[in-house]
Amino acid sequence: MSTSSSPLLPDERLAAGAARLASRYAGHFAPETVLSLLADSYARLAEQARIRTHLVVPAERLTAERLDALAHTQGLMSGPTRVLFVCSQNAGRSQMAAALLAHRAGERVTVSSAGTHPADAVEPHIAQALTEADVDLADAYPKPLTQEVVQAADVVITMGCGDVCPVMPGRRYLDWPVADPDGAPIAVVRDVRDAIDAHITELLTQLAP
């Protein structure tokens, strides 16, 4: 089956990414599964994008995250505790929380974030506040909430915005009621960052070593 001629791909530039992913997950998932998830990831990102010319790389990254989660759920791959942060747009609080936890926990935790109604881009003040704390957010982008990532999570944390998240048995669900930094001045965003970091300090004491 040729990935370059597959009708599943909405953009021919995805073919190279499909080949990379099929090779990476060979023995775990069929190429058809990879193609289907890649096409779906691209379509989900395209729904929120104002400009679609730069979706190829994020679509491949989102697909890899979904395949990793699916492999974890099916027992094909093992790994550390998985924590998922969810907010509405995945452009502020959940991005900040994921970046801070990943920075502080390192390989101890696998961290994901997603939005129920993802925005087009991460808010600039979020990246600025994290850079000031020596946390890099350069490659972050808003992602849609997918079933695979929810199913793979050990801990699901909503960010005080009342989002409806699929409830899976055996998962721990938390809500962190922190202020929404959307459109706020940088001083307020810093306060939100510090409030989230305090929650993360507590979370790290509760996670298995």
N, C-alpha and C. Protein backbone atom coordinates (compact mmCIF):
# COMPACT_ATOMS: atom_id res chain seq x y z
N MET A 1 0.86 -1.20 0.00
CA MET A 1 0.00 0.00 0.00
C MET A 1 0.89 1.24 0.00
N SER A 2 0.70 2.14 -0.91
CA SER A 2 1.53 3.33 -1.01
C SER A 2 0.93 4.47 -0.22
N THR A 3 1.68 5.00 0.77
CA THR A 3 1.16 6.10 1.57
C THR A 3 0.99 7.36 0.74
N SER A 4 1.84 7.54 -0.29
CA SER A 4 1.77 8.77 -1.07
C SER A 4 0.51 8.87 -1.91
N SER A 5 -0.08 7.73 -2.24
CA SER A 5 -1.29 7.76 -3.06
C SER A 5 -2.54 7.42 -2.26
N SER A 6 -2.39 7.30 -0.94
CA SER A 6 -3.52 6.91 -0.11
C SER A 6 -4.60 7.98 -0.10
N PRO A 7 -5.85 7.59 -0.34
CA PRO A 7 -6.94 8.57 -0.31
C PRO A 7 -7.22 9.07 1.10
N LEU A 8 -6.63 8.42 2.14
CA LEU A 8 -6.86 8.83 3.51
C LEU A 8 -6.15 10.14 3.84
N LEU A 9 -5.13 10.51 3.08
CA LEU A 9 -4.33 11.68 3.41
C LEU A 9 -4.91 12.93 2.76
N PRO A 10 -5.34 13.91 3.55
CA PRO A 10 -5.93 15.13 3.00
C PRO A 10 -4.90 16.09 2.44
N ASP A 11 -3.62 15.87 2.72
CA ASP A 11 -2.54 16.72 2.22
C ASP A 11 -1.39 15.79 1.83
N GLU A 12 -0.94 15.88 0.59
CA GLU A 12 0.09 14.97 0.10
C GLU A 12 1.40 15.10 0.88
N ARG A 13 1.61 16.25 1.53
CA ARG A 13 2.83 16.43 2.32
C ARG A 13 2.85 15.55 3.56
N LEU A 14 1.71 14.98 3.93
CA LEU A 14 1.65 14.08 5.08
C LEU A 14 2.27 12.72 4.79
N ALA A 15 2.52 12.41 3.54
CA ALA A 15 3.01 11.08 3.17
C ALA A 15 4.33 10.74 3.85
N ALA A 16 5.25 11.71 3.92
CA ALA A 16 6.53 11.45 4.55
C ALA A 16 6.35 11.15 6.03
N GLY A 17 5.47 11.91 6.69
CA GLY A 17 5.19 11.65 8.10
C GLY A 17 4.53 10.31 8.31
N ALA A 18 3.64 9.93 7.40
CA ALA A 18 2.99 8.63 7.50
C ALA A 18 4.01 7.51 7.42
N ALA A 19 4.98 7.67 6.53
CA ALA A 19 6.03 6.65 6.40
C ALA A 19 6.87 6.56 7.66
N ARG A 20 7.22 7.71 8.23
CA ARG A 20 8.00 7.71 9.47
C ARG A 20 7.24 7.04 10.61
N LEU A 21 5.98 7.39 10.75
CA LEU A 21 5.18 6.82 11.83
C LEU A 21 4.96 5.32 11.63
N ALA A 22 4.72 4.91 10.39
CA ALA A 22 4.51 3.48 10.12
C ALA A 22 5.77 2.69 10.47
N SER A 23 6.93 3.26 10.18
CA SER A 23 8.18 2.59 10.52
C SER A 23 8.40 2.56 12.03
N ARG A 24 8.11 3.67 12.67
CA ARG A 24 8.30 3.77 14.13
C ARG A 24 7.42 2.80 14.89
N TYR A 25 6.21 2.58 14.42
CA TYR A 25 5.26 1.73 15.13
C TYR A 25 5.06 0.38 14.45
N ALA A 26 5.98 0.01 13.57
CA ALA A 26 5.91 -1.30 12.92
C ALA A 26 5.95 -2.39 13.99
N GLY A 27 5.08 -3.36 13.83
CA GLY A 27 4.98 -4.42 14.82
C GLY A 27 3.95 -4.15 15.89
N HIS A 28 3.54 -2.89 15.99
CA HIS A 28 2.49 -2.52 16.95
C HIS A 28 1.18 -2.18 16.25
N PHE A 29 1.29 -1.38 15.17
CA PHE A 29 0.08 -0.94 14.47
C PHE A 29 0.26 -1.08 12.97
N ALA A 30 -0.80 -1.46 12.30
CA ALA A 30 -0.77 -1.58 10.85
C ALA A 30 -0.65 -0.20 10.21
N PRO A 31 -0.05 -0.11 9.03
CA PRO A 31 0.05 1.18 8.34
C PRO A 31 -1.32 1.84 8.15
N GLU A 32 -2.36 1.03 7.95
CA GLU A 32 -3.69 1.59 7.76
C GLU A 32 -4.17 2.32 9.03
N THR A 33 -3.82 1.78 10.20
CA THR A 33 -4.18 2.43 11.46
C THR A 33 -3.46 3.76 11.60
N VAL A 34 -2.18 3.76 11.24
CA VAL A 34 -1.39 4.99 11.30
C VAL A 34 -1.97 6.05 10.36
N LEU A 35 -2.28 5.64 9.14
CA LEU A 35 -2.84 6.57 8.16
C LEU A 35 -4.17 7.16 8.63
N SER A 36 -5.01 6.31 9.18
CA SER A 36 -6.32 6.76 9.63
C SER A 36 -6.19 7.79 10.74
N LEU A 37 -5.32 7.52 11.72
CA LEU A 37 -5.13 8.46 12.82
C LEU A 37 -4.48 9.76 12.34
N LEU A 38 -3.55 9.65 11.41
CA LEU A 38 -2.89 10.84 10.87
C LEU A 38 -3.89 11.73 10.14
N ALA A 39 -4.72 11.14 9.31
CA ALA A 39 -5.73 11.91 8.60
C ALA A 39 -6.71 12.55 9.57
N ASP A 40 -7.10 11.81 10.60
CA ASP A 40 -8.03 12.34 11.60
C ASP A 40 -7.39 13.47 12.39
N SER A 41 -6.12 13.31 12.76
CA SER A 41 -5.41 14.36 13.50
C SER A 41 -5.34 15.64 12.68
N TYR A 42 -5.00 15.50 11.41
CA TYR A 42 -4.93 16.67 10.52
C TYR A 42 -6.30 17.36 10.44
N ALA A 43 -7.35 16.57 10.28
CA ALA A 43 -8.69 17.14 10.16
C ALA A 43 -9.10 17.87 11.43
N ARG A 44 -8.76 17.30 12.58
CA ARG A 44 -9.11 17.95 13.86
C ARG A 44 -8.38 19.28 14.02
N LEU A 45 -7.10 19.30 13.67
CA LEU A 45 -6.34 20.53 13.76
C LEU A 45 -6.83 21.57 12.75
N ALA A 46 -7.23 21.11 11.58
CA ALA A 46 -7.71 22.02 10.54
C ALA A 46 -9.00 22.72 10.95
N GLU A 47 -9.80 22.07 11.78
CA GLU A 47 -11.06 22.66 12.22
C GLU A 47 -10.85 23.97 12.97
N GLN A 48 -9.72 24.06 13.69
CA GLN A 48 -9.49 25.23 14.53
C GLN A 48 -8.53 26.24 13.89
N ALA A 49 -7.88 25.85 12.80
CA ALA A 49 -6.80 26.67 12.25
C ALA A 49 -7.32 27.76 11.32
N ARG A 50 -6.76 28.96 11.48
CA ARG A 50 -7.05 30.04 10.54
C ARG A 50 -6.21 29.87 9.26
N ILE A 51 -4.98 29.36 9.44
CA ILE A 51 -4.07 29.10 8.32
C ILE A 51 -3.69 27.63 8.37
N ARG A 52 -3.87 26.92 7.25
CA ARG A 52 -3.67 25.47 7.26
C ARG A 52 -2.35 25.02 6.63
N THR A 53 -1.53 25.97 6.22
CA THR A 53 -0.31 25.59 5.52
C THR A 53 0.75 24.99 6.44
N HIS A 54 0.60 25.16 7.74
CA HIS A 54 1.62 24.69 8.68
C HIS A 54 1.10 23.56 9.58
N LEU A 55 0.14 22.80 9.12
CA LEU A 55 -0.47 21.77 9.96
C LEU A 55 0.21 20.41 9.84
N VAL A 56 1.08 20.23 8.89
CA VAL A 56 1.65 18.91 8.63
C VAL A 56 2.46 18.42 9.83
N VAL A 57 3.35 19.25 10.33
CA VAL A 57 4.19 18.84 11.46
C VAL A 57 3.36 18.62 12.73
N PRO A 58 2.47 19.55 13.12
CA PRO A 58 1.63 19.28 14.29
C PRO A 58 0.77 18.03 14.14
N ALA A 59 0.28 17.76 12.94
CA ALA A 59 -0.54 16.56 12.73
C ALA A 59 0.27 15.29 12.98
N GLU A 60 1.51 15.29 12.53
CA GLU A 60 2.37 14.12 12.77
C GLU A 60 2.66 13.97 14.27
N ARG A 61 2.92 15.08 14.94
CA ARG A 61 3.20 15.03 16.37
C ARG A 61 1.98 14.57 17.16
N LEU A 62 0.80 15.07 16.80
CA LEU A 62 -0.42 14.67 17.48
C LEU A 62 -0.68 13.18 17.26
N THR A 63 -0.46 12.71 16.05
CA THR A 63 -0.66 11.29 15.75
C THR A 63 0.29 10.42 16.56
N ALA A 64 1.54 10.84 16.69
CA ALA A 64 2.51 10.08 17.48
C ALA A 64 2.06 10.01 18.94
N GLU A 65 1.54 11.12 19.46
CA GLU A 65 1.05 11.13 20.84
C GLU A 65 -0.13 10.17 21.00
N ARG A 66 -1.02 10.16 20.02
CA ARG A 66 -2.18 9.27 20.09
C ARG A 66 -1.76 7.81 19.97
N LEU A 67 -0.79 7.53 19.10
CA LEU A 67 -0.31 6.15 18.95
C LEU A 67 0.41 5.67 20.20
N ASP A 68 1.21 6.54 20.81
CA ASP A 68 1.86 6.19 22.07
C ASP A 68 0.82 5.86 23.14
N ALA A 69 -0.21 6.70 23.22
CA ALA A 69 -1.27 6.47 24.20
C ALA A 69 -1.99 5.16 23.93
N LEU A 70 -2.29 4.90 22.66
CA LEU A 70 -2.98 3.67 22.29
C LEU A 70 -2.12 2.45 22.60
N ALA A 71 -0.83 2.54 22.32
CA ALA A 71 0.07 1.43 22.63
C ALA A 71 0.15 1.19 24.13
N HIS A 72 0.14 2.26 24.90
CA HIS A 72 0.16 2.13 26.36
C HIS A 72 -1.10 1.44 26.86
N THR A 73 -2.25 1.88 26.34
CA THR A 73 -3.53 1.31 26.76
C THR A 73 -3.62 -0.17 26.42
N GLN A 74 -3.08 -0.55 25.28
CA GLN A 74 -3.15 -1.94 24.83
C GLN A 74 -2.03 -2.80 25.39
N GLY A 75 -1.20 -2.24 26.24
CA GLY A 75 -0.12 -3.00 26.85
C GLY A 75 1.05 -3.29 25.94
N LEU A 76 1.14 -2.55 24.83
CA LEU A 76 2.23 -2.76 23.89
C LEU A 76 3.49 -2.02 24.30
N MET A 77 3.32 -0.96 25.09
CA MET A 77 4.43 -0.16 25.57
C MET A 77 4.19 0.18 27.03
N SER A 78 5.25 0.14 27.83
CA SER A 78 5.13 0.53 29.23
C SER A 78 5.77 1.90 29.41
N GLY A 79 5.55 2.48 30.57
CA GLY A 79 6.13 3.79 30.81
C GLY A 79 5.70 4.33 32.16
N PRO A 80 6.10 5.57 32.46
CA PRO A 80 5.79 6.16 33.77
C PRO A 80 4.33 6.59 33.87
N THR A 81 3.98 7.14 35.01
CA THR A 81 2.64 7.69 35.23
C THR A 81 2.32 8.73 34.16
N ARG A 82 1.10 8.68 33.66
CA ARG A 82 0.67 9.59 32.59
C ARG A 82 -0.34 10.58 33.16
N VAL A 83 -0.06 11.87 32.97
CA VAL A 83 -0.91 12.95 33.47
C VAL A 83 -1.41 13.78 32.30
N LEU A 84 -2.71 14.01 32.25
CA LEU A 84 -3.34 14.79 31.19
C LEU A 84 -4.00 16.03 31.78
N PHE A 85 -3.66 17.20 31.24
CA PHE A 85 -4.28 18.46 31.63
C PHE A 85 -5.28 18.88 30.55
N VAL A 86 -6.47 19.31 30.99
CA VAL A 86 -7.53 19.69 30.05
C VAL A 86 -8.10 21.05 30.43
N CYS A 87 -8.22 21.94 29.43
CA CYS A 87 -8.99 23.16 29.59
C CYS A 87 -9.74 23.40 28.29
N SER A 88 -10.43 24.51 28.18
CA SER A 88 -11.26 24.71 26.99
C SER A 88 -10.44 24.85 25.72
N GLN A 89 -9.47 25.79 25.72
CA GLN A 89 -8.78 26.13 24.49
C GLN A 89 -7.38 25.53 24.37
N ASN A 90 -6.85 24.95 25.43
CA ASN A 90 -5.50 24.42 25.43
C ASN A 90 -4.49 25.46 24.92
N ALA A 91 -4.74 26.71 25.32
CA ALA A 91 -3.88 27.80 24.90
C ALA A 91 -3.29 28.55 26.09
N GLY A 92 -3.75 28.19 27.29
CA GLY A 92 -3.31 28.90 28.48
C GLY A 92 -2.98 27.98 29.63
N ARG A 93 -3.96 27.76 30.52
CA ARG A 93 -3.71 27.04 31.76
C ARG A 93 -3.19 25.62 31.56
N SER A 94 -3.83 24.86 30.68
CA SER A 94 -3.40 23.47 30.52
C SER A 94 -2.02 23.38 29.89
N GLN A 95 -1.71 24.30 28.98
CA GLN A 95 -0.37 24.34 28.39
C GLN A 95 0.67 24.68 29.46
N MET A 96 0.35 25.65 30.30
CA MET A 96 1.27 26.06 31.35
C MET A 96 1.50 24.93 32.34
N ALA A 97 0.43 24.27 32.74
CA ALA A 97 0.55 23.18 33.70
C ALA A 97 1.37 22.02 33.14
N ALA A 98 1.10 21.67 31.89
CA ALA A 98 1.84 20.57 31.27
C ALA A 98 3.33 20.89 31.17
N ALA A 99 3.65 22.11 30.76
CA ALA A 99 5.05 22.50 30.62
C ALA A 99 5.76 22.52 31.96
N LEU A 100 5.10 23.03 32.98
CA LEU A 100 5.71 23.09 34.31
C LEU A 100 5.93 21.69 34.89
N LEU A 101 4.93 20.82 34.74
CA LEU A 101 5.09 19.46 35.27
C LEU A 101 6.18 18.71 34.52
N ALA A 102 6.21 18.82 33.20
CA ALA A 102 7.25 18.14 32.42
C ALA A 102 8.63 18.65 32.81
N HIS A 103 8.74 19.95 33.05
CA HIS A 103 10.03 20.55 33.43
C HIS A 103 10.50 20.03 34.78
N ARG A 104 9.58 19.92 35.72
CA ARG A 104 9.97 19.55 37.08
C ARG A 104 10.06 18.04 37.28
N ALA A 105 9.25 17.28 36.57
CA ALA A 105 9.22 15.84 36.79
C ALA A 105 10.17 15.08 35.88
N GLY A 106 10.51 15.65 34.73
CA GLY A 106 11.40 14.97 33.80
C GLY A 106 10.79 13.66 33.32
N GLU A 107 11.59 12.60 33.30
CA GLU A 107 11.14 11.30 32.80
C GLU A 107 10.27 10.54 33.80
N ARG A 108 10.05 11.12 34.96
CA ARG A 108 9.23 10.48 35.97
C ARG A 108 7.76 10.42 35.56
N VAL A 109 7.34 11.35 34.69
CA VAL A 109 5.94 11.47 34.29
C VAL A 109 5.86 11.70 32.79
N THR A 110 4.86 11.09 32.14
CA THR A 110 4.52 11.43 30.76
C THR A 110 3.36 12.42 30.80
N VAL A 111 3.57 13.59 30.22
CA VAL A 111 2.61 14.69 30.35
C VAL A 111 1.97 15.01 29.00
N SER A 112 0.65 15.22 29.02
CA SER A 112 -0.09 15.65 27.84
C SER A 112 -1.03 16.78 28.23
N SER A 113 -1.45 17.54 27.23
CA SER A 113 -2.49 18.55 27.45
C SER A 113 -3.38 18.59 26.23
N ALA A 114 -4.61 19.05 26.43
CA ALA A 114 -5.57 19.09 25.33
C ALA A 114 -6.69 20.05 25.68
N GLY A 115 -7.48 20.40 24.65
CA GLY A 115 -8.61 21.29 24.86
C GLY A 115 -9.89 20.73 24.29
N THR A 116 -11.00 21.02 24.93
CA THR A 116 -12.29 20.59 24.40
C THR A 116 -12.69 21.43 23.19
N HIS A 117 -12.22 22.67 23.15
CA HIS A 117 -12.44 23.56 22.00
C HIS A 117 -11.13 24.31 21.74
N PRO A 118 -10.12 23.62 21.21
CA PRO A 118 -8.78 24.20 21.12
C PRO A 118 -8.72 25.46 20.26
N ALA A 119 -7.85 26.36 20.71
CA ALA A 119 -7.63 27.62 20.00
C ALA A 119 -6.68 27.40 18.83
N ASP A 120 -6.39 28.46 18.13
CA ASP A 120 -5.51 28.40 16.97
C ASP A 120 -4.04 28.40 17.37
N ALA A 121 -3.71 29.03 18.51
CA ALA A 121 -2.32 29.14 18.93
C ALA A 121 -2.25 29.35 20.43
N VAL A 122 -1.10 29.07 21.00
CA VAL A 122 -0.86 29.32 22.42
C VAL A 122 -0.73 30.83 22.63
N GLU A 123 -1.29 31.32 23.73
CA GLU A 123 -1.24 32.75 24.01
C GLU A 123 0.20 33.21 24.27
N PRO A 124 0.62 34.32 23.67
CA PRO A 124 2.01 34.79 23.82
C PRO A 124 2.43 35.03 25.26
N HIS A 125 1.51 35.56 26.10
CA HIS A 125 1.88 35.83 27.49
C HIS A 125 2.15 34.55 28.27
N ILE A 126 1.54 33.45 27.84
CA ILE A 126 1.82 32.17 28.49
C ILE A 126 3.26 31.77 28.25
N ALA A 127 3.69 31.85 27.00
CA ALA A 127 5.08 31.52 26.67
C ALA A 127 6.05 32.45 27.38
N GLN A 128 5.70 33.73 27.47
CA GLN A 128 6.59 34.69 28.14
C GLN A 128 6.75 34.36 29.62
N ALA A 129 5.63 34.07 30.29
CA ALA A 129 5.70 33.77 31.72
C ALA A 129 6.48 32.50 31.99
N LEU A 130 6.38 31.53 31.10
CA LEU A 130 7.13 30.29 31.28
C LEU A 130 8.61 30.49 30.97
N THR A 131 8.92 31.28 29.96
CA THR A 131 10.32 31.57 29.65
C THR A 131 11.00 32.23 30.83
N GLU A 132 10.29 33.11 31.52
CA GLU A 132 10.83 33.75 32.71
C GLU A 132 11.14 32.75 33.82
N ALA A 133 10.47 31.60 33.80
CA ALA A 133 10.72 30.53 34.78
C ALA A 133 11.63 29.46 34.21
N ASP A 134 12.30 29.77 33.09
CA ASP A 134 13.24 28.84 32.44
C ASP A 134 12.56 27.58 31.94
N VAL A 135 11.30 27.72 31.51
CA VAL A 135 10.54 26.60 30.94
C VAL A 135 10.27 26.93 29.47
N ASP A 136 10.61 26.01 28.59
CA ASP A 136 10.49 26.24 27.14
C ASP A 136 9.12 25.79 26.64
N LEU A 137 8.44 26.67 25.92
CA LEU A 137 7.13 26.35 25.34
C LEU A 137 7.16 26.54 23.83
N ALA A 138 8.36 26.52 23.26
CA ALA A 138 8.52 26.88 21.85
C ALA A 138 7.75 25.95 20.91
N ASP A 139 7.67 24.67 21.21
CA ASP A 139 7.04 23.72 20.29
C ASP A 139 5.59 23.41 20.64
N ALA A 140 5.03 24.11 21.61
CA ALA A 140 3.66 23.81 22.05
C ALA A 140 2.64 24.32 21.04
N TYR A 141 1.53 23.61 20.94
CA TYR A 141 0.42 24.02 20.07
C TYR A 141 -0.87 23.46 20.66
N PRO A 142 -1.99 24.15 20.51
CA PRO A 142 -3.26 23.64 21.03
C PRO A 142 -3.66 22.33 20.34
N LYS A 143 -4.10 21.37 21.15
CA LYS A 143 -4.46 20.05 20.64
C LYS A 143 -5.89 19.70 21.04
N PRO A 144 -6.59 18.99 20.19
CA PRO A 144 -7.93 18.53 20.56
C PRO A 144 -7.85 17.36 21.54
N LEU A 145 -8.87 17.24 22.36
CA LEU A 145 -8.95 16.13 23.30
C LEU A 145 -9.35 14.87 22.54
N THR A 146 -8.53 13.82 22.64
CA THR A 146 -8.83 12.58 21.93
C THR A 146 -9.03 11.43 22.90
N GLN A 147 -9.80 10.46 22.46
CA GLN A 147 -10.14 9.33 23.30
C GLN A 147 -8.90 8.54 23.71
N GLU A 148 -7.95 8.40 22.81
CA GLU A 148 -6.75 7.60 23.10
C GLU A 148 -5.98 8.18 24.28
N VAL A 149 -5.81 9.50 24.28
CA VAL A 149 -5.02 10.14 25.33
C VAL A 149 -5.74 10.08 26.67
N VAL A 150 -7.05 10.23 26.66
CA VAL A 150 -7.83 10.12 27.90
C VAL A 150 -7.74 8.71 28.46
N GLN A 151 -7.90 7.72 27.60
CA GLN A 151 -7.87 6.33 28.05
C GLN A 151 -6.52 5.94 28.63
N ALA A 152 -5.44 6.54 28.12
CA ALA A 152 -4.10 6.19 28.59
C ALA A 152 -3.71 6.90 29.87
N ALA A 153 -4.42 7.97 30.23
CA ALA A 153 -4.03 8.79 31.38
C ALA A 153 -4.31 8.07 32.69
N ASP A 154 -3.37 8.22 33.63
CA ASP A 154 -3.59 7.77 35.00
C ASP A 154 -4.25 8.86 35.83
N VAL A 155 -3.90 10.11 35.53
CA VAL A 155 -4.45 11.27 36.23
C VAL A 155 -4.93 12.27 35.19
N VAL A 156 -6.18 12.71 35.30
CA VAL A 156 -6.76 13.72 34.41
C VAL A 156 -7.07 14.95 35.26
N ILE A 157 -6.50 16.09 34.87
CA ILE A 157 -6.67 17.32 35.65
C ILE A 157 -7.33 18.38 34.78
N THR A 158 -8.52 18.81 35.18
CA THR A 158 -9.18 19.92 34.49
C THR A 158 -8.79 21.21 35.20
N MET A 159 -8.78 22.29 34.43
CA MET A 159 -8.23 23.54 34.93
C MET A 159 -9.31 24.56 35.29
N GLY A 160 -10.23 24.13 36.13
CA GLY A 160 -11.20 25.07 36.68
C GLY A 160 -12.17 25.69 35.70
N CYS A 161 -12.40 25.04 34.57
CA CYS A 161 -13.25 25.65 33.55
C CYS A 161 -14.49 24.82 33.25
N GLY A 162 -14.75 23.79 34.07
CA GLY A 162 -15.98 23.04 33.92
C GLY A 162 -16.10 22.23 32.66
N ASP A 163 -14.98 21.83 32.08
CA ASP A 163 -15.03 21.05 30.84
C ASP A 163 -15.58 19.66 31.09
N VAL A 164 -16.30 19.18 30.12
CA VAL A 164 -16.79 17.81 30.18
C VAL A 164 -15.71 16.90 29.59
N CYS A 165 -15.18 16.03 30.41
CA CYS A 165 -14.12 15.13 29.97
C CYS A 165 -14.62 13.70 30.09
N PRO A 166 -14.37 12.86 29.09
CA PRO A 166 -14.79 11.47 29.20
C PRO A 166 -14.25 10.82 30.46
N VAL A 167 -15.10 10.16 31.20
CA VAL A 167 -14.70 9.52 32.45
C VAL A 167 -14.40 8.06 32.21
N MET A 168 -13.17 7.65 32.52
CA MET A 168 -12.73 6.28 32.34
C MET A 168 -12.49 5.63 33.70
N PRO A 169 -12.97 4.41 33.92
CA PRO A 169 -12.74 3.74 35.19
C PRO A 169 -11.26 3.61 35.50
N GLY A 170 -10.91 3.75 36.77
CA GLY A 170 -9.54 3.56 37.19
C GLY A 170 -8.65 4.77 37.07
N ARG A 171 -9.19 5.89 36.55
CA ARG A 171 -8.41 7.11 36.44
C ARG A 171 -8.70 8.01 37.64
N ARG A 172 -7.72 8.81 37.98
CA ARG A 172 -7.89 9.79 39.04
C ARG A 172 -8.22 11.12 38.40
N TYR A 173 -9.29 11.76 38.83
CA TYR A 173 -9.72 13.03 38.27
C TYR A 173 -9.58 14.14 39.32
N LEU A 174 -8.93 15.23 38.91
CA LEU A 174 -8.74 16.39 39.78
C LEU A 174 -9.19 17.64 39.04
N ASP A 175 -9.55 18.68 39.79
CA ASP A 175 -9.82 19.97 39.18
C ASP A 175 -9.03 21.03 39.94
N TRP A 176 -8.26 21.82 39.18
CA TRP A 176 -7.49 22.90 39.78
C TRP A 176 -8.16 24.22 39.43
N PRO A 177 -8.84 24.86 40.38
CA PRO A 177 -9.58 26.11 40.09
C PRO A 177 -8.66 27.32 40.08
N VAL A 178 -7.94 27.49 38.99
CA VAL A 178 -7.06 28.64 38.84
C VAL A 178 -7.67 29.64 37.85
N ALA A 179 -7.27 30.91 37.99
CA ALA A 179 -7.84 31.96 37.15
C ALA A 179 -7.49 31.75 35.68
N ASP A 180 -8.36 32.24 34.81
CA ASP A 180 -8.13 32.16 33.37
C ASP A 180 -7.22 33.30 32.95
N PRO A 181 -6.04 33.00 32.38
CA PRO A 181 -5.12 34.08 31.98
C PRO A 181 -5.42 34.69 30.62
N ASP A 182 -6.46 34.24 29.95
CA ASP A 182 -6.77 34.72 28.61
C ASP A 182 -6.95 36.24 28.59
N GLY A 183 -6.08 36.93 27.85
CA GLY A 183 -6.19 38.37 27.73
C GLY A 183 -5.71 39.15 28.93
N ALA A 184 -5.21 38.48 29.96
CA ALA A 184 -4.77 39.16 31.18
C ALA A 184 -3.39 39.78 31.00
N PRO A 185 -3.06 40.83 31.77
CA PRO A 185 -1.72 41.39 31.72
C PRO A 185 -0.70 40.39 32.25
N ILE A 186 0.55 40.59 31.89
CA ILE A 186 1.59 39.63 32.22
C ILE A 186 1.72 39.41 33.73
N ALA A 187 1.47 40.42 34.53
CA ALA A 187 1.56 40.26 35.98
C ALA A 187 0.55 39.23 36.48
N VAL A 188 -0.66 39.25 35.91
CA VAL A 188 -1.68 38.28 36.30
C VAL A 188 -1.30 36.89 35.80
N VAL A 189 -0.75 36.81 34.60
CA VAL A 189 -0.32 35.51 34.06
C VAL A 189 0.76 34.90 34.95
N ARG A 190 1.66 35.73 35.47
CA ARG A 190 2.68 35.22 36.38
C ARG A 190 2.05 34.65 37.65
N ASP A 191 1.02 35.33 38.15
CA ASP A 191 0.33 34.83 39.34
C ASP A 191 -0.33 33.48 39.06
N VAL A 192 -0.93 33.35 37.87
CA VAL A 192 -1.54 32.08 37.48
C VAL A 192 -0.47 30.99 37.39
N ARG A 193 0.64 31.33 36.78
CA ARG A 193 1.77 30.38 36.69
C ARG A 193 2.18 29.89 38.06
N ASP A 194 2.32 30.81 39.01
CA ASP A 194 2.77 30.44 40.35
C ASP A 194 1.73 29.60 41.08
N ALA A 195 0.44 29.90 40.84
CA ALA A 195 -0.63 29.11 41.46
C ALA A 195 -0.62 27.68 40.92
N ILE A 196 -0.43 27.55 39.62
CA ILE A 196 -0.35 26.21 39.02
C ILE A 196 0.87 25.46 39.54
N ASP A 197 1.98 26.16 39.66
CA ASP A 197 3.20 25.52 40.14
C ASP A 197 3.04 25.02 41.56
N ALA A 198 2.27 25.72 42.38
CA ALA A 198 2.01 25.25 43.74
C ALA A 198 1.20 23.95 43.72
N HIS A 199 0.22 23.87 42.81
CA HIS A 199 -0.53 22.62 42.66
C HIS A 199 0.39 21.49 42.21
N ILE A 200 1.31 21.79 41.32
CA ILE A 200 2.22 20.77 40.82
C ILE A 200 3.15 20.27 41.92
N THR A 201 3.58 21.16 42.79
CA THR A 201 4.39 20.75 43.94
C THR A 201 3.65 19.71 44.77
N GLU A 202 2.37 19.95 45.01
CA GLU A 202 1.57 18.99 45.78
C GLU A 202 1.38 17.70 45.01
N LEU A 203 1.11 17.81 43.69
CA LEU A 203 0.91 16.62 42.87
C LEU A 203 2.13 15.73 42.88
N LEU A 204 3.31 16.31 42.79
CA LEU A 204 4.53 15.53 42.73
C LEU A 204 4.77 14.71 44.00
N THR A 205 4.25 15.19 45.11
CA THR A 205 4.39 14.41 46.36
C THR A 205 3.45 13.21 46.38
N GLN A 206 2.43 13.25 45.52
CA GLN A 206 1.43 12.18 45.50
C GLN A 206 1.68 11.12 44.45
N LEU A 207 2.48 11.45 43.44
CA LEU A 207 2.73 10.50 42.37
C LEU A 207 3.71 9.44 42.82
N ALA A 208 3.50 8.23 42.33
CA ALA A 208 4.41 7.14 42.67
C ALA A 208 5.81 7.43 42.13
N PRO A 209 6.86 7.11 42.88
CA PRO A 209 8.22 7.37 42.40
C PRO A 209 8.56 6.47 41.24
